Amino acid sequence: YYEAYYLRALKVRALIANDFANVFKECDCIVTPTSPTPAFAIGEKTQNPLAMYLSDIYTISVNLAGIPAISVPCGLSKAGLPVGLQIIAKAFDEEMLLKVAHAYEQSTPWHKEKPKI
């Protein structure tokens, strides 16, 4: 019973990794929001597992594919909460990923901003 689900999950994981590999034939990196919303208060969504799951929606496929990604600051929301930019690279291309992230941070002021607490 569980073995069937596990084997199915492995197939889905392979499909996701293959889709990313095909995309990286056309580009060096992918840039997305890290999260669809700014951070929520600690404990705010614990009674809503779906909301918590959806807050990771942009990072889940990357983790399943086993490819490198990094989140860098890219601004503040209207409420003053930090917003992240996710940069994704092809498998085993961490060097390029870190160079892109560093170049982005050097060309923007966001890594110096601190939200009000």
PDB file of N, CA and C in Angstrom:
ATOM      1  N   TYR A   1       0.823  -1.195   0.000  1.00  0.00           N
ATOM      2  CA  TYR A   1       0.000   0.000   0.000  1.00  0.00           C
ATOM      3  C   TYR A   1       0.866   1.257   0.000  1.00  0.00           C
ATOM      4  N   TYR A   2       1.735   1.382   1.007  1.00  0.00           N
ATOM      5  CA  TYR A   2       2.609   2.546   1.079  1.00  0.00           C
ATOM      6  C   TYR A   2       3.651   2.517  -0.028  1.00  0.00           C
ATOM      7  N   GLU A   3       4.083   1.321  -0.389  1.00  0.00           N
ATOM      8  CA  GLU A   3       5.080   1.190  -1.452  1.00  0.00           C
ATOM      9  C   GLU A   3       4.547   1.743  -2.768  1.00  0.00           C
ATOM     10  N   ALA A   4       3.282   1.516  -3.056  1.00  0.00           N
ATOM     11  CA  ALA A   4       2.681   2.035  -4.289  1.00  0.00           C
ATOM     12  C   ALA A   4       2.694   3.560  -4.294  1.00  0.00           C
ATOM     13  N   TYR A   5       2.361   4.177  -3.155  1.00  0.00           N
ATOM     14  CA  TYR A   5       2.399   5.641  -3.066  1.00  0.00           C
ATOM     15  C   TYR A   5       3.827   6.155  -3.196  1.00  0.00           C
ATOM     16  N   TYR A   6       4.757   5.455  -2.582  1.00  0.00           N
ATOM     17  CA  TYR A   6       6.157   5.869  -2.650  1.00  0.00           C
ATOM     18  C   TYR A   6       6.661   5.806  -4.087  1.00  0.00           C
ATOM     19  N   LEU A   7       6.364   4.727  -4.783  1.00  0.00           N
ATOM     20  CA  LEU A   7       6.795   4.595  -6.177  1.00  0.00           C
ATOM     21  C   LEU A   7       6.150   5.666  -7.052  1.00  0.00           C
ATOM     22  N   ARG A   8       4.906   5.961  -6.781  1.00  0.00           N
ATOM     23  CA  ARG A   8       4.222   7.017  -7.530  1.00  0.00           C
ATOM     24  C   ARG A   8       4.869   8.375  -7.254  1.00  0.00           C
ATOM     25  N   ALA A   9       5.205   8.628  -6.003  1.00  0.00           N
ATOM     26  CA  ALA A   9       5.862   9.884  -5.639  1.00  0.00           C
ATOM     27  C   ALA A   9       7.222  10.003  -6.314  1.00  0.00           C
ATOM     28  N   LEU A  10       7.957   8.911  -6.402  1.00  0.00           N
ATOM     29  CA  LEU A  10       9.249   8.936  -7.092  1.00  0.00           C
ATOM     30  C   LEU A  10       9.079   9.291  -8.564  1.00  0.00           C
ATOM     31  N   LYS A  11       8.032   8.782  -9.189  1.00  0.00           N
ATOM     32  CA  LYS A  11       7.770   9.101 -10.600  1.00  0.00           C
ATOM     33  C   LYS A  11       7.431  10.576 -10.772  1.00  0.00           C
ATOM     34  N   VAL A  12       6.616  11.101  -9.877  1.00  0.00           N
ATOM     35  CA  VAL A  12       6.261  12.520  -9.938  1.00  0.00           C
ATOM     36  C   VAL A  12       7.502  13.378  -9.727  1.00  0.00           C
ATOM     37  N   ARG A  13       8.326  12.997  -8.777  1.00  0.00           N
ATOM     38  CA  ARG A  13       9.578  13.724  -8.521  1.00  0.00           C
ATOM     39  C   ARG A  13      10.450  13.741  -9.767  1.00  0.00           C
ATOM     40  N   ALA A  14      10.562  12.613 -10.460  1.00  0.00           N
ATOM     41  CA  ALA A  14      11.361  12.535 -11.688  1.00  0.00           C
ATOM     42  C   ALA A  14      10.777  13.435 -12.776  1.00  0.00           C
ATOM     43  N   LEU A  15       9.460  13.492 -12.885  1.00  0.00           N
ATOM     44  CA  LEU A  15       8.823  14.367 -13.876  1.00  0.00           C
ATOM     45  C   LEU A  15       9.126  15.834 -13.589  1.00  0.00           C
ATOM     46  N   ILE A  16       9.052  16.216 -12.323  1.00  0.00           N
ATOM     47  CA  ILE A  16       9.347  17.597 -11.937  1.00  0.00           C
ATOM     48  C   ILE A  16      10.800  17.936 -12.249  1.00  0.00           C
ATOM     49  N   ALA A  17      11.719  17.056 -11.882  1.00  0.00           N
ATOM     50  CA  ALA A  17      13.144  17.288 -12.153  1.00  0.00           C
ATOM     51  C   ALA A  17      13.389  17.391 -13.652  1.00  0.00           C
ATOM     52  N   ASN A  18      12.726  16.562 -14.438  1.00  0.00           N
ATOM     53  CA  ASN A  18      12.885  16.593 -15.889  1.00  0.00           C
ATOM     54  C   ASN A  18      12.354  17.906 -16.472  1.00  0.00           C
ATOM     55  N   ASP A  19      11.228  18.383 -15.960  1.00  0.00           N
ATOM     56  CA  ASP A  19      10.691  19.667 -16.424  1.00  0.00           C
ATOM     57  C   ASP A  19      11.673  20.802 -16.156  1.00  0.00           C
ATOM     58  N   PHE A  20      12.253  20.821 -14.968  1.00  0.00           N
ATOM     59  CA  PHE A  20      13.250  21.845 -14.667  1.00  0.00           C
ATOM     60  C   PHE A  20      14.461  21.710 -15.588  1.00  0.00           C
ATOM     61  N   ALA A  21      14.933  20.497 -15.816  1.00  0.00           N
ATOM     62  CA  ALA A  21      16.088  20.286 -16.700  1.00  0.00           C
ATOM     63  C   ALA A  21      15.797  20.825 -18.094  1.00  0.00           C
ATOM     64  N   ASN A  22      14.589  20.634 -18.582  1.00  0.00           N
ATOM     65  CA  ASN A  22      14.224  21.158 -19.899  1.00  0.00           C
ATOM     66  C   ASN A  22      14.207  22.678 -19.921  1.00  0.00           C
ATOM     67  N   VAL A  23      13.708  23.290 -18.870  1.00  0.00           N
ATOM     68  CA  VAL A  23      13.697  24.754 -18.787  1.00  0.00           C
ATOM     69  C   VAL A  23      15.122  25.296 -18.793  1.00  0.00           C
ATOM     70  N   PHE A  24      16.023  24.628 -18.075  1.00  0.00           N
ATOM     71  CA  PHE A  24      17.398  25.116 -17.986  1.00  0.00           C
ATOM     72  C   PHE A  24      18.190  24.923 -19.277  1.00  0.00           C
ATOM     73  N   LYS A  25      17.607  24.297 -20.272  1.00  0.00           N
ATOM     74  CA  LYS A  25      18.219  24.266 -21.606  1.00  0.00           C
ATOM     75  C   LYS A  25      18.068  25.627 -22.280  1.00  0.00           C
ATOM     76  N   GLU A  26      17.100  26.418 -21.794  1.00  0.00           N
ATOM     77  CA  GLU A  26      16.783  27.716 -22.389  1.00  0.00           C
ATOM     78  C   GLU A  26      17.246  28.913 -21.555  1.00  0.00           C
ATOM     79  N   CYS A  27      17.569  28.696 -20.289  1.00  0.00           N
ATOM     80  CA  CYS A  27      17.961  29.814 -19.432  1.00  0.00           C
ATOM     81  C   CYS A  27      18.945  29.343 -18.366  1.00  0.00           C
ATOM     82  N   ASP A  28      19.638  30.295 -17.765  1.00  0.00           N
ATOM     83  CA  ASP A  28      20.625  29.977 -16.729  1.00  0.00           C
ATOM     84  C   ASP A  28      20.006  29.875 -15.340  1.00  0.00           C
ATOM     85  N   CYS A  29      18.982  30.682 -15.087  1.00  0.00           N
ATOM     86  CA  CYS A  29      18.329  30.631 -13.783  1.00  0.00           C
ATOM     87  C   CYS A  29      16.872  31.054 -13.921  1.00  0.00           C
ATOM     88  N   ILE A  30      16.108  30.718 -12.903  1.00  0.00           N
ATOM     89  CA  ILE A  30      14.698  31.086 -12.828  1.00  0.00           C
ATOM     90  C   ILE A  30      14.542  31.965 -11.593  1.00  0.00           C
ATOM     91  N   VAL A  31      13.766  33.028 -11.728  1.00  0.00           N
ATOM     92  CA  VAL A  31      13.538  33.944 -10.615  1.00  0.00           C
ATOM     93  C   VAL A  31      12.043  33.963 -10.308  1.00  0.00           C
ATOM     94  N   THR A  32      11.710  33.728  -9.046  1.00  0.00           N
ATOM     95  CA  THR A  32      10.315  33.722  -8.602  1.00  0.00           C
ATOM     96  C   THR A  32      10.219  34.400  -7.243  1.00  0.00           C
ATOM     97  N   PRO A  33       9.010  34.726  -6.812  1.00  0.00           N
ATOM     98  CA  PRO A  33       8.873  35.114  -5.408  1.00  0.00           C
ATOM     99  C   PRO A  33       9.240  33.901  -4.542  1.00  0.00           C
ATOM    100  N   THR A  34       9.730  34.130  -3.360  1.00  0.00           N
ATOM    101  CA  THR A  34       9.986  33.019  -2.444  1.00  0.00           C
ATOM    102  C   THR A  34       8.674  32.506  -1.867  1.00  0.00           C
ATOM    103  N   SER A  35       7.762  33.419  -1.626  1.00  0.00           N
ATOM    104  CA  SER A  35       6.472  33.080  -1.021  1.00  0.00           C
ATOM    105  C   SER A  35       5.391  33.930  -1.680  1.00  0.00           C
ATOM    106  N   PRO A  36       4.168  33.426  -1.778  1.00  0.00           N
ATOM    107  CA  PRO A  36       3.112  34.220  -2.406  1.00  0.00           C
ATOM    108  C   PRO A  36       2.616  35.394  -1.557  1.00  0.00           C
ATOM    109  N   THR A  37       2.963  35.400  -0.279  1.00  0.00           N
ATOM    110  CA  THR A  37       2.539  36.480   0.617  1.00  0.00           C
ATOM    111  C   THR A  37       3.699  36.845   1.540  1.00  0.00           C
ATOM    112  N   PRO A  38       3.655  38.029   2.128  1.00  0.00           N
ATOM    113  CA  PRO A  38       4.656  38.340   3.155  1.00  0.00           C
ATOM    114  C   PRO A  38       4.490  37.392   4.345  1.00  0.00           C
ATOM    115  N   ALA A  39       5.451  37.403   5.218  1.00  0.00           N
ATOM    116  CA  ALA A  39       5.423  36.520   6.397  1.00  0.00           C
ATOM    117  C   ALA A  39       4.174  36.776   7.233  1.00  0.00           C
ATOM    118  N   PHE A  40       3.669  35.704   7.829  1.00  0.00           N
ATOM    119  CA  PHE A  40       2.549  35.854   8.748  1.00  0.00           C
ATOM    120  C   PHE A  40       3.067  35.683  10.168  1.00  0.00           C
ATOM    121  N   ALA A  41       2.282  36.133  11.114  1.00  0.00           N
ATOM    122  CA  ALA A  41       2.688  36.088  12.521  1.00  0.00           C
ATOM    123  C   ALA A  41       2.892  34.646  12.979  1.00  0.00           C
ATOM    124  N   ILE A  42       3.812  34.461  13.905  1.00  0.00           N
ATOM    125  CA  ILE A  42       4.076  33.129  14.453  1.00  0.00           C
ATOM    126  C   ILE A  42       2.783  32.569  15.040  1.00  0.00           C
ATOM    127  N   GLY A  43       2.451  31.363  14.632  1.00  0.00           N
ATOM    128  CA  GLY A  43       1.259  30.696  15.129  1.00  0.00           C
ATOM    129  C   GLY A  43      -0.036  31.089  14.441  1.00  0.00           C
ATOM    130  N   GLU A  44       0.011  32.086  13.558  1.00  0.00           N
ATOM    131  CA  GLU A  44      -1.205  32.598  12.921  1.00  0.00           C
ATOM    132  C   GLU A  44      -1.918  31.552  12.065  1.00  0.00           C
ATOM    133  N   LYS A  45      -1.188  30.713  11.373  1.00  0.00           N
ATOM    134  CA  LYS A  45      -1.799  29.771  10.434  1.00  0.00           C
ATOM    135  C   LYS A  45      -1.765  28.320  10.921  1.00  0.00           C
ATOM    136  N   THR A  46      -1.438  28.089  12.166  1.00  0.00           N
ATOM    137  CA  THR A  46      -1.295  26.706  12.641  1.00  0.00           C
ATOM    138  C   THR A  46      -2.598  25.917  12.571  1.00  0.00           C
ATOM    139  N   GLN A  47      -3.723  26.591  12.616  1.00  0.00           N
ATOM    140  CA  GLN A  47      -5.013  25.900  12.530  1.00  0.00           C
ATOM    141  C   GLN A  47      -5.466  25.705  11.085  1.00  0.00           C
ATOM    142  N   ASN A  48      -4.658  26.192  10.145  1.00  0.00           N
ATOM    143  CA  ASN A  48      -5.011  26.082   8.735  1.00  0.00           C
ATOM    144  C   ASN A  48      -3.839  25.466   7.975  1.00  0.00           C
ATOM    145  N   PRO A  49      -3.710  24.146   7.967  1.00  0.00           N
ATOM    146  CA  PRO A  49      -2.579  23.488   7.314  1.00  0.00           C
ATOM    147  C   PRO A  49      -2.460  23.817   5.831  1.00  0.00           C
ATOM    148  N   LEU A  50      -3.584  24.003   5.145  1.00  0.00           N
ATOM    149  CA  LEU A  50      -3.532  24.330   3.724  1.00  0.00           C
ATOM    150  C   LEU A  50      -2.872  25.686   3.503  1.00  0.00           C
ATOM    151  N   ALA A  51      -3.206  26.671   4.317  1.00  0.00           N
ATOM    152  CA  ALA A  51      -2.591  27.994   4.205  1.00  0.00           C
ATOM    153  C   ALA A  51      -1.093  27.908   4.461  1.00  0.00           C
ATOM    154  N   MET A  52      -0.696  27.107   5.436  1.00  0.00           N
ATOM    155  CA  MET A  52       0.738  26.945   5.712  1.00  0.00           C
ATOM    156  C   MET A  52       1.432  26.270   4.532  1.00  0.00           C
ATOM    157  N   TYR A  53       0.809  25.240   3.965  1.00  0.00           N
ATOM    158  CA  TYR A  53       1.370  24.540   2.810  1.00  0.00           C
ATOM    159  C   TYR A  53       1.501  25.496   1.629  1.00  0.00           C
ATOM    160  N   LEU A  54       0.470  26.292   1.377  1.00  0.00           N
ATOM    161  CA  LEU A  54       0.492  27.202   0.234  1.00  0.00           C
ATOM    162  C   LEU A  54       1.544  28.296   0.382  1.00  0.00           C
ATOM    163  N   SER A  55       1.949  28.607   1.596  1.00  0.00           N
ATOM    164  CA  SER A  55       2.988  29.623   1.769  1.00  0.00           C
ATOM    165  C   SER A  55       4.337  29.138   1.234  1.00  0.00           C
ATOM    166  N   ASP A  56       4.477  27.827   1.031  1.00  0.00           N
ATOM    167  CA  ASP A  56       5.711  27.249   0.487  1.00  0.00           C
ATOM    168  C   ASP A  56       5.574  26.833  -0.979  1.00  0.00           C
ATOM    169  N   ILE A  57       4.504  27.233  -1.627  1.00  0.00           N
ATOM    170  CA  ILE A  57       4.173  26.716  -2.949  1.00  0.00           C
ATOM    171  C   ILE A  57       5.284  26.930  -3.988  1.00  0.00           C
ATOM    172  N   TYR A  58       6.041  28.025  -3.893  1.00  0.00           N
ATOM    173  CA  TYR A  58       7.089  28.292  -4.883  1.00  0.00           C
ATOM    174  C   TYR A  58       8.385  27.542  -4.602  1.00  0.00           C
ATOM    175  N   THR A  59       8.528  27.005  -3.409  1.00  0.00           N
ATOM    176  CA  THR A  59       9.775  26.313  -3.064  1.00  0.00           C
ATOM    177  C   THR A  59       9.652  24.794  -3.094  1.00  0.00           C
ATOM    178  N   ILE A  60       8.442  24.279  -3.036  1.00  0.00           N
ATOM    179  CA  ILE A  60       8.250  22.828  -2.946  1.00  0.00           C
ATOM    180  C   ILE A  60       8.788  22.091  -4.164  1.00  0.00           C
ATOM    181  N   SER A  61       8.439  22.547  -5.368  1.00  0.00           N
ATOM    182  CA  SER A  61       8.885  21.832  -6.570  1.00  0.00           C
ATOM    183  C   SER A  61      10.401  21.867  -6.709  1.00  0.00           C
ATOM    184  N   VAL A  62      11.011  22.950  -6.287  1.00  0.00           N
ATOM    185  CA  VAL A  62      12.472  23.062  -6.338  1.00  0.00           C
ATOM    186  C   VAL A  62      13.102  22.024  -5.415  1.00  0.00           C
ATOM    187  N   ASN A  63      12.567  21.896  -4.219  1.00  0.00           N
ATOM    188  CA  ASN A  63      13.081  20.901  -3.277  1.00  0.00           C
ATOM    189  C   ASN A  63      12.857  19.485  -3.781  1.00  0.00           C
ATOM    190  N   LEU A  64      11.689  19.232  -4.356  1.00  0.00           N
ATOM    191  CA  LEU A  64      11.420  17.896  -4.901  1.00  0.00           C
ATOM    192  C   LEU A  64      12.381  17.554  -6.038  1.00  0.00           C
ATOM    193  N   ALA A  65      12.708  18.550  -6.857  1.00  0.00           N
ATOM    194  CA  ALA A  65      13.619  18.323  -7.982  1.00  0.00           C
ATOM    195  C   ALA A  65      15.064  18.170  -7.522  1.00  0.00           C
ATOM    196  N   GLY A  66      15.367  18.610  -6.317  1.00  0.00           N
ATOM    197  CA  GLY A  66      16.723  18.488  -5.793  1.00  0.00           C
ATOM    198  C   GLY A  66      17.702  19.445  -6.442  1.00  0.00           C
ATOM    199  N   ILE A  67      17.214  20.613  -6.833  1.00  0.00           N
ATOM    200  CA  ILE A  67      18.090  21.591  -7.476  1.00  0.00           C
ATOM    201  C   ILE A  67      18.338  22.758  -6.521  1.00  0.00           C
ATOM    202  N   PRO A  68      19.435  23.496  -6.736  1.00  0.00           N
ATOM    203  CA  PRO A  68      19.780  24.568  -5.808  1.00  0.00           C
ATOM    204  C   PRO A  68      18.938  25.828  -6.015  1.00  0.00           C
ATOM    205  N   ALA A  69      18.661  26.495  -4.917  1.00  0.00           N
ATOM    206  CA  ALA A  69      17.942  27.766  -4.940  1.00  0.00           C
ATOM    207  C   ALA A  69      18.383  28.582  -3.735  1.00  0.00           C
ATOM    208  N   ILE A  70      18.188  29.875  -3.846  1.00  0.00           N
ATOM    209  CA  ILE A  70      18.523  30.775  -2.746  1.00  0.00           C
ATOM    210  C   ILE A  70      17.457  31.857  -2.693  1.00  0.00           C
ATOM    211  N   SER A  71      17.168  32.328  -1.506  1.00  0.00           N
ATOM    212  CA  SER A  71      16.231  33.430  -1.332  1.00  0.00           C
ATOM    213  C   SER A  71      17.012  34.650  -0.871  1.00  0.00           C
ATOM    214  N   VAL A  72      16.798  35.764  -1.564  1.00  0.00           N
ATOM    215  CA  VAL A  72      17.467  37.012  -1.205  1.00  0.00           C
ATOM    216  C   VAL A  72      16.394  38.076  -0.964  1.00  0.00           C
ATOM    217  N   PRO A  73      16.678  39.048  -0.106  1.00  0.00           N
ATOM    218  CA  PRO A  73      15.711  40.110   0.147  1.00  0.00           C
ATOM    219  C   PRO A  73      15.464  40.931  -1.119  1.00  0.00           C
ATOM    220  N   CYS A  74      14.197  41.294  -1.347  1.00  0.00           N
ATOM    221  CA  CYS A  74      13.906  42.118  -2.531  1.00  0.00           C
ATOM    222  C   CYS A  74      12.930  43.243  -2.220  1.00  0.00           C
ATOM    223  N   GLY A  75      12.785  43.584  -0.976  1.00  0.00           N
ATOM    224  CA  GLY A  75      11.930  44.707  -0.635  1.00  0.00           C
ATOM    225  C   GLY A  75      11.108  44.448   0.601  1.00  0.00           C
ATOM    226  N   LEU A  76      10.204  45.384   0.842  1.00  0.00           N
ATOM    227  CA  LEU A  76       9.302  45.294   1.983  1.00  0.00           C
ATOM    228  C   LEU A  76       7.871  45.457   1.479  1.00  0.00           C
ATOM    229  N   SER A  77       6.956  44.762   2.113  1.00  0.00           N
ATOM    230  CA  SER A  77       5.539  44.893   1.759  1.00  0.00           C
ATOM    231  C   SER A  77       5.021  46.252   2.236  1.00  0.00           C
ATOM    232  N   LYS A  78       3.787  46.565   1.877  1.00  0.00           N
ATOM    233  CA  LYS A  78       3.176  47.819   2.343  1.00  0.00           C
ATOM    234  C   LYS A  78       3.123  47.879   3.862  1.00  0.00           C
ATOM    235  N   ALA A  79       3.056  46.702   4.491  1.00  0.00           N
ATOM    236  CA  ALA A  79       3.026  46.641   5.957  1.00  0.00           C
ATOM    237  C   ALA A  79       4.429  46.651   6.563  1.00  0.00           C
ATOM    238  N   GLY A  80       5.449  46.731   5.712  1.00  0.00           N
ATOM    239  CA  GLY A  80       6.819  46.776   6.204  1.00  0.00           C
ATOM    240  C   GLY A  80       7.452  45.426   6.454  1.00  0.00           C
ATOM    241  N   LEU A  81       6.817  44.357   5.966  1.00  0.00           N
ATOM    242  CA  LEU A  81       7.371  43.012   6.145  1.00  0.00           C
ATOM    243  C   LEU A  81       8.311  42.664   4.992  1.00  0.00           C
ATOM    244  N   PRO A  82       9.362  41.904   5.254  1.00  0.00           N
ATOM    245  CA  PRO A  82      10.315  41.564   4.195  1.00  0.00           C
ATOM    246  C   PRO A  82       9.702  40.641   3.144  1.00  0.00           C
ATOM    247  N   VAL A  83      10.140  40.844   1.911  1.00  0.00           N
ATOM    248  CA  VAL A  83       9.709  40.033   0.776  1.00  0.00           C
ATOM    249  C   VAL A  83      10.953  39.395   0.177  1.00  0.00           C
ATOM    250  N   GLY A  84      10.856  38.114  -0.193  1.00  0.00           N
ATOM    251  CA  GLY A  84      12.010  37.398  -0.724  1.00  0.00           C
ATOM    252  C   GLY A  84      11.893  37.093  -2.207  1.00  0.00           C
ATOM    253  N   LEU A  85      13.038  37.064  -2.856  1.00  0.00           N
ATOM    254  CA  LEU A  85      13.167  36.697  -4.263  1.00  0.00           C
ATOM    255  C   LEU A  85      13.923  35.375  -4.311  1.00  0.00           C
ATOM    256  N   GLN A  86      13.338  34.362  -4.933  1.00  0.00           N
ATOM    257  CA  GLN A  86      13.989  33.060  -5.039  1.00  0.00           C
ATOM    258  C   GLN A  86      14.690  32.962  -6.393  1.00  0.00           C
ATOM    259  N   ILE A  87      15.942  32.595  -6.362  1.00  0.00           N
ATOM    260  CA  ILE A  87      16.714  32.363  -7.585  1.00  0.00           C
ATOM    261  C   ILE A  87      17.010  30.871  -7.628  1.00  0.00           C
ATOM    262  N   ILE A  88      16.688  30.246  -8.753  1.00  0.00           N
ATOM    263  CA  ILE A  88      16.812  28.796  -8.906  1.00  0.00           C
ATOM    264  C   ILE A  88      17.813  28.509 -10.017  1.00  0.00           C
ATOM    265  N   ALA A  89      18.683  27.529  -9.799  1.00  0.00           N
ATOM    266  CA  ALA A  89      19.680  27.152 -10.807  1.00  0.00           C
ATOM    267  C   ALA A  89      19.553  25.671 -11.137  1.00  0.00           C
ATOM    268  N   LYS A  90      20.192  25.287 -12.217  1.00  0.00           N
ATOM    269  CA  LYS A  90      20.164  23.866 -12.592  1.00  0.00           C
ATOM    270  C   LYS A  90      21.006  23.058 -11.608  1.00  0.00           C
ATOM    271  N   ALA A  91      20.811  21.773 -11.650  1.00  0.00           N
ATOM    272  CA  ALA A  91      21.509  20.867 -10.735  1.00  0.00           C
ATOM    273  C   ALA A  91      23.018  21.073 -10.799  1.00  0.00           C
ATOM    274  N   PHE A  92      23.635  21.123  -9.648  1.00  0.00           N
ATOM    275  CA  PHE A  92      25.084  21.225  -9.477  1.00  0.00           C
ATOM    276  C   PHE A  92      25.675  22.533  -9.994  1.00  0.00           C
ATOM    277  N   ASP A  93      24.848  23.574 -10.137  1.00  0.00           N
ATOM    278  CA  ASP A  93      25.358  24.865 -10.595  1.00  0.00           C
ATOM    279  C   ASP A  93      25.264  25.913  -9.485  1.00  0.00           C
ATOM    280  N   GLU A  94      25.647  25.504  -8.284  1.00  0.00           N
ATOM    281  CA  GLU A  94      25.605  26.402  -7.139  1.00  0.00           C
ATOM    282  C   GLU A  94      26.508  27.616  -7.330  1.00  0.00           C
ATOM    283  N   GLU A  95      27.628  27.439  -8.018  1.00  0.00           N
ATOM    284  CA  GLU A  95      28.544  28.567  -8.226  1.00  0.00           C
ATOM    285  C   GLU A  95      27.844  29.694  -8.980  1.00  0.00           C
ATOM    286  N   MET A  96      27.161  29.362 -10.072  1.00  0.00           N
ATOM    287  CA  MET A  96      26.444  30.378 -10.834  1.00  0.00           C
ATOM    288  C   MET A  96      25.329  30.988  -9.983  1.00  0.00           C
ATOM    289  N   LEU A  97      24.624  30.161  -9.236  1.00  0.00           N
ATOM    290  CA  LEU A  97      23.538  30.631  -8.384  1.00  0.00           C
ATOM    291  C   LEU A  97      24.039  31.676  -7.388  1.00  0.00           C
ATOM    292  N   LEU A  98      25.134  31.381  -6.729  1.00  0.00           N
ATOM    293  CA  LEU A  98      25.676  32.319  -5.743  1.00  0.00           C
ATOM    294  C   LEU A  98      26.198  33.592  -6.400  1.00  0.00           C
ATOM    295  N   LYS A  99      26.755  33.483  -7.597  1.00  0.00           N
ATOM    296  CA  LYS A  99      27.211  34.676  -8.320  1.00  0.00           C
ATOM    297  C   LYS A  99      26.034  35.572  -8.690  1.00  0.00           C
ATOM    298  N   VAL A 100      24.946  34.980  -9.157  1.00  0.00           N
ATOM    299  CA  VAL A 100      23.756  35.758  -9.510  1.00  0.00           C
ATOM    300  C   VAL A 100      23.177  36.425  -8.263  1.00  0.00           C
ATOM    301  N   ALA A 101      23.064  35.679  -7.176  1.00  0.00           N
ATOM    302  CA  ALA A 101      22.527  36.238  -5.932  1.00  0.00           C
ATOM    303  C   ALA A 101      23.403  37.383  -5.428  1.00  0.00           C
ATOM    304  N   HIS A 102      24.695  37.202  -5.495  1.00  0.00           N
ATOM    305  CA  HIS A 102      25.616  38.250  -5.047  1.00  0.00           C
ATOM    306  C   HIS A 102      25.494  39.486  -5.932  1.00  0.00           C
ATOM    307  N   ALA A 103      25.443  39.292  -7.240  1.00  0.00           N
ATOM    308  CA  ALA A 103      25.306  40.424  -8.163  1.00  0.00           C
ATOM    309  C   ALA A 103      24.001  41.175  -7.899  1.00  0.00           C
ATOM    310  N   TYR A 104      22.928  40.440  -7.657  1.00  0.00           N
ATOM    311  CA  TYR A 104      21.646  41.082  -7.355  1.00  0.00           C
ATOM    312  C   TYR A 104      21.755  41.904  -6.076  1.00  0.00           C
ATOM    313  N   GLU A 105      22.310  41.314  -5.041  1.00  0.00           N
ATOM    314  CA  GLU A 105      22.421  42.040  -3.776  1.00  0.00           C
ATOM    315  C   GLU A 105      23.314  43.271  -3.907  1.00  0.00           C
ATOM    316  N   GLN A 106      24.358  43.193  -4.717  1.00  0.00           N
ATOM    317  CA  GLN A 106      25.249  44.336  -4.882  1.00  0.00           C
ATOM    318  C   GLN A 106      24.596  45.462  -5.681  1.00  0.00           C
ATOM    319  N   SER A 107      23.583  45.126  -6.484  1.00  0.00           N
ATOM    320  CA  SER A 107      22.940  46.151  -7.312  1.00  0.00           C
ATOM    321  C   SER A 107      21.636  46.679  -6.704  1.00  0.00           C
ATOM    322  N   THR A 108      21.257  46.180  -5.537  1.00  0.00           N
ATOM    323  CA  THR A 108      20.041  46.647  -4.866  1.00  0.00           C
ATOM    324  C   THR A 108      20.344  46.926  -3.395  1.00  0.00           C
ATOM    325  N   PRO A 109      19.526  47.745  -2.751  1.00  0.00           N
ATOM    326  CA  PRO A 109      19.761  48.056  -1.337  1.00  0.00           C
ATOM    327  C   PRO A 109      19.022  47.139  -0.364  1.00  0.00           C
ATOM    328  N   TRP A 110      18.259  46.187  -0.878  1.00  0.00           N
ATOM    329  CA  TRP A 110      17.337  45.455  -0.012  1.00  0.00           C
ATOM    330  C   TRP A 110      18.006  44.642   1.087  1.00  0.00           C
ATOM    331  N   HIS A 111      19.202  44.158   0.864  1.00  0.00           N
ATOM    332  CA  HIS A 111      19.853  43.347   1.897  1.00  0.00           C
ATOM    333  C   HIS A 111      20.275  44.191   3.103  1.00  0.00           C
ATOM    334  N   LYS A 112      20.217  45.509   2.953  1.00  0.00           N
ATOM    335  CA  LYS A 112      20.569  46.395   4.062  1.00  0.00           C
ATOM    336  C   LYS A 112      19.338  46.840   4.857  1.00  0.00           C
ATOM    337  N   GLU A 113      18.158  46.642   4.292  1.00  0.00           N
ATOM    338  CA  GLU A 113      16.913  47.057   4.946  1.00  0.00           C
ATOM    339  C   GLU A 113      16.566  46.116   6.095  1.00  0.00           C
ATOM    340  N   LYS A 114      16.012  46.679   7.140  1.00  0.00           N
ATOM    341  CA  LYS A 114      15.567  45.876   8.279  1.00  0.00           C
ATOM    342  C   LYS A 114      14.129  46.254   8.595  1.00  0.00           C
ATOM    343  N   PRO A 115      13.256  45.256   8.715  1.00  0.00           N
ATOM    344  CA  PRO A 115      11.868  45.583   9.053  1.00  0.00           C
ATOM    345  C   PRO A 115      11.774  46.126  10.474  1.00  0.00           C
ATOM    346  N   LYS A 116      10.770  46.959  10.689  1.00  0.00           N
ATOM    347  CA  LYS A 116      10.530  47.474  12.045  1.00  0.00           C
ATOM    348  C   LYS A 116       9.935  46.357  12.880  1.00  0.00           C
ATOM    349  N   ILE A 117      10.423  46.236  14.084  1.00  0.00           N
ATOM    350  CA  ILE A 117       9.930  45.179  14.977  1.00  0.00           C
ATOM    351  C   ILE A 117       9.033  45.779  16.036  1.00  0.00           C
TER     352      ILE A 117
END
